[in-house]
Amino acid sequence: MVNKNFKKFIKLSDEQKFMLLQALGYNVDSNGFIVDKSNTKVKCDYSKSPVLFKNASILPGSTIIVNTSLITLSEYISDHLENPEEE
């Protein structure tokens, strides 16, 4: 049986992702990195590396922005979706 929380993931086009980032108060710098309002590069909570727009995922039910990889997504799922009652 699939956990109902996994149904929250959707694929966004680059245009939709950019619009969502702007709505959340972020932008993309000239090198393609996501930056906050003070023009500081956003770092992935899991990889601790700056997040490139082309590799970014905005995770459901949050404003968490991560570098998309199997490791970061599995860590997010483990932290937030497998045991949501613990939050």
Protein backbone atom coordinates (compact mmCIF):
# COMPACT_ATOMS: atom_id res chain seq x y z
CA MET A 1 0.00 0.00 0.00
CA VAL A 2 1.31 3.45 -0.95
CA ASN A 3 1.53 5.99 1.85
CA LYS A 4 -0.97 8.80 1.12
CA ASN A 5 1.78 11.38 1.74
CA PHE A 6 3.66 10.22 -1.36
CA LYS A 7 0.77 11.38 -3.56
CA LYS A 8 1.69 15.00 -2.79
CA PHE A 9 4.64 14.99 -5.21
CA ILE A 10 3.98 16.64 -8.57
CA LYS A 11 6.23 17.53 -11.49
CA LEU A 12 6.51 21.24 -12.24
CA SER A 13 7.73 22.81 -15.45
CA ASP A 14 10.71 25.14 -15.09
CA GLU A 15 8.37 28.12 -15.52
CA GLN A 16 6.05 26.85 -12.76
CA LYS A 17 9.01 26.11 -10.47
CA PHE A 18 10.41 29.61 -11.05
CA MET A 19 7.03 31.23 -10.31
CA LEU A 20 6.66 29.18 -7.12
CA LEU A 21 10.15 30.13 -5.96
CA GLN A 22 9.38 33.80 -6.54
CA ALA A 23 6.10 33.48 -4.62
CA LEU A 24 8.10 32.00 -1.73
CA GLY A 25 10.52 34.95 -1.80
CA TYR A 26 13.39 33.35 -3.72
CA ASN A 27 15.07 34.12 -7.02
CA VAL A 28 17.73 32.65 -9.31
CA ASP A 29 21.10 34.36 -9.71
CA SER A 30 23.06 34.73 -12.96
CA ASN A 31 24.90 31.45 -12.27
CA GLY A 32 21.66 29.50 -11.86
CA PHE A 33 21.70 29.19 -8.06
CA ILE A 34 18.60 29.81 -5.97
CA VAL A 35 19.05 32.85 -3.72
CA ASP A 36 17.02 34.34 -0.89
CA LYS A 37 15.93 37.98 -0.51
CA SER A 38 19.41 38.99 0.68
CA ASN A 39 20.92 37.37 -2.45
CA THR A 40 22.48 34.56 -0.38
CA LYS A 41 22.63 31.15 -2.02
CA VAL A 42 20.11 28.71 -0.56
CA LYS A 43 21.76 25.55 0.79
CA CYS A 44 20.12 22.14 0.75
CA ASP A 45 19.31 20.97 4.29
CA TYR A 46 20.53 17.49 3.41
CA SER A 47 23.53 17.88 1.08
CA LYS A 48 24.60 21.21 2.61
CA SER A 49 25.46 22.42 -0.91
CA PRO A 50 24.04 25.47 -2.70
CA VAL A 51 20.97 24.57 -4.76
CA LEU A 52 21.03 25.01 -8.52
CA PHE A 53 17.67 25.83 -10.10
CA LYS A 54 18.01 22.99 -12.61
CA ASN A 55 18.52 20.46 -9.77
CA ALA A 56 16.05 21.91 -7.28
CA SER A 57 13.00 20.30 -5.75
CA ILE A 58 10.52 22.24 -3.64
CA LEU A 59 9.16 19.68 -1.27
CA PRO A 60 5.42 19.32 -0.64
CA GLY A 61 3.81 20.94 2.36
CA SER A 62 6.87 23.02 3.06
CA THR A 63 9.24 25.63 1.78
CA ILE A 64 12.14 23.17 1.90
CA ILE A 65 14.28 23.44 -1.22
CA VAL A 66 16.76 20.64 -1.86
CA ASN A 67 19.21 19.40 -4.44
CA THR A 68 17.30 16.62 -6.14
CA SER A 69 19.06 13.31 -5.65
CA LEU A 70 18.10 9.87 -4.42
CA ILE A 71 19.87 10.58 -1.13
CA THR A 72 18.24 13.95 -0.39
CA LEU A 73 14.78 12.75 -1.37
CA SER A 74 15.08 9.55 0.66
CA GLU A 75 16.24 11.55 3.69
CA TYR A 76 13.29 13.93 3.29
CA ILE A 77 10.86 11.01 2.98
CA SER A 78 12.35 9.38 6.04
CA ASP A 79 12.17 12.62 8.04
CA HIS A 80 8.77 13.92 6.92
CA LEU A 81 6.60 11.33 5.21
CA GLU A 82 7.21 7.94 6.74
CA ASN A 83 6.31 9.09 10.25
CA PRO A 84 4.30 12.32 9.87
CA GLU A 85 2.63 11.91 13.29
CA GLU A 86 6.03 12.50 14.93
CA GLU A 87 6.20 16.10 13.68
